[in-house]
C-alpha atoms as a PDB file:
ATOM      1  CA  MET A   1     163.839 213.942 101.673  1.00  0.00           C
ATOM      2  CA  ARG A   2     163.553 210.329 102.727  1.00  0.00           C
ATOM      3  CA  MET A   3     160.576 208.244 101.689  1.00  0.00           C
ATOM      4  CA  ASP A   4     160.039 205.053 103.669  1.00  0.00           C
ATOM      5  CA  LYS A   5     156.485 204.257 102.727  1.00  0.00           C
ATOM      6  CA  ILE A   6     154.121 201.608 101.435  1.00  0.00           C
ATOM      7  CA  LEU A   7     152.219 203.109  98.536  1.00  0.00           C
ATOM      8  CA  PRO A   8     149.163 201.347  97.022  1.00  0.00           C
ATOM      9  CA  VAL A   9     149.042 201.830  93.243  1.00  0.00           C
ATOM     10  CA  ASN A  10     146.329 200.754  90.798  1.00  0.00           C
ATOM     11  CA  LYS A  11     148.174 198.608  88.215  1.00  0.00           C
ATOM     12  CA  PRO A  12     146.349 198.621  84.872  1.00  0.00           C
ATOM     13  CA  VAL A  13     146.083 195.704  82.441  1.00  0.00           C
ATOM     14  CA  GLY A  14     149.033 195.566  80.052  1.00  0.00           C
ATOM     15  CA  MET A  15     151.723 196.732  82.468  1.00  0.00           C
ATOM     16  CA  THR A  16     154.049 194.466  84.411  1.00  0.00           C
ATOM     17  CA  SER A  17     154.769 195.123  88.071  1.00  0.00           C
ATOM     18  CA  TYR A  18     158.248 196.277  87.043  1.00  0.00           C
ATOM     19  CA  ASP A  19     156.733 198.685  84.467  1.00  0.00           C
ATOM     20  CA  VAL A  20     154.904 200.366  87.359  1.00  0.00           C
ATOM     21  CA  ILE A  21     158.142 200.666  89.359  1.00  0.00           C
ATOM     22  CA  ARG A  22     160.028 202.028  86.335  1.00  0.00           C
ATOM     23  CA  ARG A  23     157.339 204.649  85.650  1.00  0.00           C
ATOM     24  CA  PHE A  24     157.259 205.671  89.324  1.00  0.00           C
ATOM     25  CA  LYS A  25     161.046 206.110  89.332  1.00  0.00           C
ATOM     26  CA  GLN A  26     160.938 208.194  86.142  1.00  0.00           C
ATOM     27  CA  THR A  27     158.153 210.376  87.524  1.00  0.00           C
ATOM     28  CA  VAL A  28     159.250 210.818  91.135  1.00  0.00           C
ATOM     29  CA  HIS A  29     162.945 210.097  91.675  1.00  0.00           C
ATOM     30  CA  PRO A  30     165.308 207.637  89.959  1.00  0.00           C
ATOM     31  CA  ASP A  31     167.431 206.978  93.060  1.00  0.00           C
ATOM     32  CA  TYR A  32     164.727 205.658  95.400  1.00  0.00           C
ATOM     33  CA  LYS A  33     165.039 202.063  96.497  1.00  0.00           C
ATOM     34  CA  ILE A  34     161.721 200.563  95.343  1.00  0.00           C
ATOM     35  CA  GLY A  35     160.224 197.090  95.462  1.00  0.00           C
ATOM     36  CA  HIS A  36     156.717 195.685  95.346  1.00  0.00           C
ATOM     37  CA  GLY A  37     154.630 193.566  97.660  1.00  0.00           C
ATOM     38  CA  GLY A  38     153.825 190.870  95.087  1.00  0.00           C
ATOM     39  CA  THR A  39     153.712 190.475  91.330  1.00  0.00           C
ATOM     40  CA  LEU A  40     150.527 190.978  89.340  1.00  0.00           C
ATOM     41  CA  ASP A  41     150.391 189.402  85.871  1.00  0.00           C
ATOM     42  CA  PRO A  42     150.393 191.825  82.916  1.00  0.00           C
ATOM     43  CA  PHE A  43     146.826 190.748  82.000  1.00  0.00           C
ATOM     44  CA  ALA A  44     145.576 191.482  85.544  1.00  0.00           C
ATOM     45  CA  ASP A  45     144.644 194.809  87.058  1.00  0.00           C
ATOM     46  CA  GLY A  46     144.569 195.558  90.747  1.00  0.00           C
ATOM     47  CA  VAL A  47     146.339 197.069  93.715  1.00  0.00           C
ATOM     48  CA  LEU A  48     150.121 196.746  93.645  1.00  0.00           C
ATOM     49  CA  LEU A  49     151.930 197.777  96.820  1.00  0.00           C
ATOM     50  CA  LEU A  50     155.078 199.793  96.101  1.00  0.00           C
ATOM     51  CA  LEU A  51     157.600 199.632  98.924  1.00  0.00           C
ATOM     52  CA  LEU A  52     159.834 202.692  99.168  1.00  0.00           C
ATOM     53  CA  GLY A  53     163.139 202.984 101.024  1.00  0.00           C
ATOM     54  CA  HIS A  54     163.351 200.990 104.251  1.00  0.00           C
ATOM     55  CA  ALA A  55     159.776 199.785 103.707  1.00  0.00           C
ATOM     56  CA  THR A  56     161.287 197.265 101.241  1.00  0.00           C
ATOM     57  CA  LYS A  57     162.293 195.285 104.339  1.00  0.00           C
ATOM     58  CA  LYS A  58     158.566 194.586 104.915  1.00  0.00           C
ATOM     59  CA  MET A  59     158.281 192.358 101.801  1.00  0.00           C
ATOM     60  CA  GLY A  60     158.366 189.141 103.820  1.00  0.00           C
ATOM     61  CA  GLU A  61     155.637 190.304 106.185  1.00  0.00           C
ATOM     62  CA  LEU A  62     153.399 191.488 103.342  1.00  0.00           C
ATOM     63  CA  SER A  63     153.670 188.193 101.494  1.00  0.00           C
ATOM     64  CA  MET A  64     152.092 186.449 104.502  1.00  0.00           C
ATOM     65  CA  LEU A  65     148.974 188.655 104.555  1.00  0.00           C
ATOM     66  CA  PRO A  66     145.704 187.268 103.144  1.00  0.00           C
ATOM     67  CA  LYS A  67     144.895 188.244  99.578  1.00  0.00           C
ATOM     68  CA  THR A  68     141.617 188.461  97.699  1.00  0.00           C
ATOM     69  CA  TYR A  69     141.232 187.641  94.025  1.00  0.00           C
ATOM     70  CA  ARG A  70     138.237 188.400  91.846  1.00  0.00           C
ATOM     71  CA  ALA A  71     137.762 186.949  88.379  1.00  0.00           C
ATOM     72  CA  VAL A  72     135.227 186.990  85.588  1.00  0.00           C
ATOM     73  CA  ALA A  73     134.686 183.680  83.793  1.00  0.00           C
ATOM     74  CA  LYS A  74     133.070 182.964  80.467  1.00  0.00           C
ATOM     75  CA  LEU A  75     131.633 179.454  80.650  1.00  0.00           C
ATOM     76  CA  GLY A  76     131.647 177.327  77.513  1.00  0.00           C
ATOM     77  CA  ALA A  77     134.274 179.410  75.678  1.00  0.00           C
ATOM     78  CA  ARG A  78     136.980 177.582  73.712  1.00  0.00           C
ATOM     79  CA  SER A  79     140.363 178.614  72.431  1.00  0.00           C
ATOM     80  CA  ASP A  80     143.001 176.852  70.330  1.00  0.00           C
ATOM     81  CA  THR A  81     145.684 178.358  72.547  1.00  0.00           C
ATOM     82  CA  LEU A  82     143.863 177.497  75.808  1.00  0.00           C
ATOM     83  CA  ASP A  83     144.366 181.048  77.112  1.00  0.00           C
ATOM     84  CA  VAL A  84     140.733 182.130  77.309  1.00  0.00           C
END
């Protein structure tokens, strides 16, 4: 069975985009050609587009689409490592 699809996946905090691909391959089929429509940082959650089969050729088109980001900020917080 051939799968040429774009599959939206909810990427949780703590996983890399490649972790999501690796888990999908382990769960579904290890031989599928799989890519993603853009990297999400490990500390971010959100929709990650998995591109399956010939849909991987759509990466360029997807990167040109508008994206929306939502963040929560804590004003006045300080950190020695500057990561908060």
